[in-house]
Amino acid sequence: MIAAIPLLLVPFALYNLAMTGLLGAGGTAALDGEIMALSMLSGATWTMNLGDLLIVVALALLFVEILKATRTSSKTLMDHLLSMLLFIGFLVEFLLVPQAATQIFFILMLIAFIDVIAGFSISMRAAGRDVSIGL
């Protein structure tokens, strides 16, 4: 049952912690805090803030979720159902909570949507290969 829990719940929870101010800097402003700056060979400075890191983590977790969708087991349907509920949670929060109406949250919601669509698509494809018709 633990394997069916969508991993994209982690960025969702972290964003909500930032929104409530538990990550410091008074709400979502904490996501704008610079965590790394690198000098490039071109002379420019590349910076990464906490919101960017949250998106990178979500993309890495999306990869793992897509790998989870390739398995065919009884837990697969529950995994897809929970991923759909998580996306609905993202959507409702995006539409109703003013602090969630940011580009970072929108991209996280889009990643959750891709997880739902990819999960169902991959599972249907894998299920089609499992069906054998004997003549």
Foldseek 3Di string as FASTA:
>chain_A
DVLLAQPLVVLVVVLVCQQVQVCHPHGPVQQVAWDDWDQDPVRDIDTHGNLNVSLVVLVVSLVVLLVVLLDDDPSLVSSLVNLVVVLVVLVVCCVPPPSCVDPSSVSSSVSSVCSNVSSVVNNVVNVVVVDDDDD
